[in-house]
Amino acid sequence: LLQALGLMNDPFVMTRVRSSNGSLLQRVLPLPDETLINNLFLTVLSRPPSEQERVASLAHLRNGNRTQRAENLLWTLYN
């Protein structure tokens, strides 16, 4: 449990999910939603999203600040 909590709040992970110069998110944010989601899943999990994951990810991205939502999605995939 402590290891999981440590990973969720680890500064290394937190810096990787932020959209900053040269980051993964900065490179994929201009892409259409479905392509962005596919790229994040393939990069982090080495597989495409299932239909259920794709639908949930699309709904998440389209509900608010897209950059922040993409950061949240990436954080979720890492954890």
C-alpha atoms as a PDB file:
ATOM      1  CA  LEU A   1       0.000   0.000   0.000  1.00  0.00           C
ATOM      2  CA  LEU A   2       2.802   2.416   0.855  1.00  0.00           C
ATOM      3  CA  GLN A   3       4.525   1.690  -2.443  1.00  0.00           C
ATOM      4  CA  ALA A   4       1.339   2.460  -4.396  1.00  0.00           C
ATOM      5  CA  LEU A   5       0.774   5.694  -2.470  1.00  0.00           C
ATOM      6  CA  GLY A   6       4.394   6.681  -2.981  1.00  0.00           C
ATOM      7  CA  LEU A   7       4.136   6.160  -6.723  1.00  0.00           C
ATOM      8  CA  MET A   8       0.916   8.178  -6.958  1.00  0.00           C
ATOM      9  CA  ASN A   9       2.553  11.209  -5.323  1.00  0.00           C
ATOM     10  CA  ASP A  10       6.127  10.732  -6.520  1.00  0.00           C
ATOM     11  CA  PRO A  11       7.706  13.943  -7.879  1.00  0.00           C
ATOM     12  CA  PHE A  12       9.237  11.975 -10.769  1.00  0.00           C
ATOM     13  CA  VAL A  13       5.804  10.766 -11.904  1.00  0.00           C
ATOM     14  CA  MET A  14       4.244  14.181 -11.356  1.00  0.00           C
ATOM     15  CA  THR A  15       6.844  15.873 -13.586  1.00  0.00           C
ATOM     16  CA  ARG A  16       6.228  13.292 -16.316  1.00  0.00           C
ATOM     17  CA  VAL A  17       2.505  13.955 -16.498  1.00  0.00           C
ATOM     18  CA  ARG A  18       2.763  17.740 -16.813  1.00  0.00           C
ATOM     19  CA  SER A  19       2.553  19.393 -20.198  1.00  0.00           C
ATOM     20  CA  SER A  20       5.905  21.153 -20.472  1.00  0.00           C
ATOM     21  CA  ASN A  21       8.532  21.769 -23.149  1.00  0.00           C
ATOM     22  CA  GLY A  22       9.465  18.493 -24.814  1.00  0.00           C
ATOM     23  CA  SER A  23       7.043  16.402 -22.784  1.00  0.00           C
ATOM     24  CA  LEU A  24       4.964  13.593 -24.192  1.00  0.00           C
ATOM     25  CA  LEU A  25       1.781  15.568 -23.565  1.00  0.00           C
ATOM     26  CA  GLN A  26       3.063  18.639 -25.334  1.00  0.00           C
ATOM     27  CA  ARG A  27       3.694  16.507 -28.418  1.00  0.00           C
ATOM     28  CA  VAL A  28       0.280  14.785 -28.423  1.00  0.00           C
ATOM     29  CA  LEU A  29      -2.025  17.613 -27.258  1.00  0.00           C
ATOM     30  CA  PRO A  30      -2.467  19.064 -30.783  1.00  0.00           C
ATOM     31  CA  LEU A  31      -3.713  15.677 -32.028  1.00  0.00           C
ATOM     32  CA  PRO A  32      -7.408  14.755 -32.253  1.00  0.00           C
ATOM     33  CA  ASP A  33      -8.858  13.234 -29.078  1.00  0.00           C
ATOM     34  CA  GLU A  34      -8.909   9.619 -30.276  1.00  0.00           C
ATOM     35  CA  THR A  35      -5.331   9.801 -31.555  1.00  0.00           C
ATOM     36  CA  LEU A  36      -4.174  11.421 -28.312  1.00  0.00           C
ATOM     37  CA  ILE A  37      -5.818   8.636 -26.286  1.00  0.00           C
ATOM     38  CA  ASN A  38      -4.355   5.901 -28.485  1.00  0.00           C
ATOM     39  CA  ASN A  39      -0.872   7.421 -28.232  1.00  0.00           C
ATOM     40  CA  LEU A  40      -1.034   7.676 -24.437  1.00  0.00           C
ATOM     41  CA  PHE A  41      -2.247   4.089 -24.041  1.00  0.00           C
ATOM     42  CA  LEU A  42       0.372   2.745 -26.443  1.00  0.00           C
ATOM     43  CA  THR A  43       3.167   4.721 -24.802  1.00  0.00           C
ATOM     44  CA  VAL A  44       2.326   3.846 -21.192  1.00  0.00           C
ATOM     45  CA  LEU A  45       0.612   0.443 -21.420  1.00  0.00           C
ATOM     46  CA  SER A  46       1.969  -0.813 -24.777  1.00  0.00           C
ATOM     47  CA  ARG A  47      -1.547  -1.582 -25.955  1.00  0.00           C
ATOM     48  CA  PRO A  48      -4.485   0.290 -27.435  1.00  0.00           C
ATOM     49  CA  PRO A  49      -7.420   1.161 -25.176  1.00  0.00           C
ATOM     50  CA  SER A  50     -10.357  -1.205 -24.954  1.00  0.00           C
ATOM     51  CA  GLU A  51     -13.670   0.138 -26.217  1.00  0.00           C
ATOM     52  CA  GLN A  52     -14.779   0.867 -22.651  1.00  0.00           C
ATOM     53  CA  GLU A  53     -11.495   2.663 -21.869  1.00  0.00           C
ATOM     54  CA  ARG A  54     -11.704   4.641 -25.106  1.00  0.00           C
ATOM     55  CA  VAL A  55     -15.259   5.809 -24.386  1.00  0.00           C
ATOM     56  CA  ALA A  56     -14.406   6.764 -20.790  1.00  0.00           C
ATOM     57  CA  SER A  57     -11.234   8.578 -21.884  1.00  0.00           C
ATOM     58  CA  LEU A  58     -13.079  10.523 -24.582  1.00  0.00           C
ATOM     59  CA  ALA A  59     -15.764  11.590 -22.119  1.00  0.00           C
ATOM     60  CA  HIS A  60     -13.077  12.664 -19.653  1.00  0.00           C
ATOM     61  CA  LEU A  61     -11.120  14.704 -22.233  1.00  0.00           C
ATOM     62  CA  ARG A  62     -14.213  16.506 -23.495  1.00  0.00           C
ATOM     63  CA  ASN A  63     -15.372  17.607 -20.058  1.00  0.00           C
ATOM     64  CA  GLY A  64     -13.274  20.613 -19.039  1.00  0.00           C
ATOM     65  CA  ASN A  65      -9.779  21.944 -19.603  1.00  0.00           C
ATOM     66  CA  ARG A  66      -8.290  19.599 -22.205  1.00  0.00           C
ATOM     67  CA  THR A  67      -4.670  19.986 -21.056  1.00  0.00           C
ATOM     68  CA  GLN A  68      -5.517  19.300 -17.436  1.00  0.00           C
ATOM     69  CA  ARG A  69      -7.748  16.375 -18.419  1.00  0.00           C
ATOM     70  CA  ALA A  70      -4.976  14.893 -20.585  1.00  0.00           C
ATOM     71  CA  GLU A  71      -2.550  15.235 -17.647  1.00  0.00           C
ATOM     72  CA  ASN A  72      -5.080  13.434 -15.428  1.00  0.00           C
ATOM     73  CA  LEU A  73      -5.471  10.661 -17.982  1.00  0.00           C
ATOM     74  CA  LEU A  74      -1.711  10.196 -18.270  1.00  0.00           C
ATOM     75  CA  TRP A  75      -1.349  10.130 -14.469  1.00  0.00           C
ATOM     76  CA  THR A  76      -4.086   7.498 -14.290  1.00  0.00           C
ATOM     77  CA  LEU A  77      -2.350   5.341 -16.892  1.00  0.00           C
ATOM     78  CA  TYR A  78       0.958   5.520 -15.008  1.00  0.00           C
ATOM     79  CA  ASN A  79      -0.721   4.550 -11.757  1.00  0.00           C
END
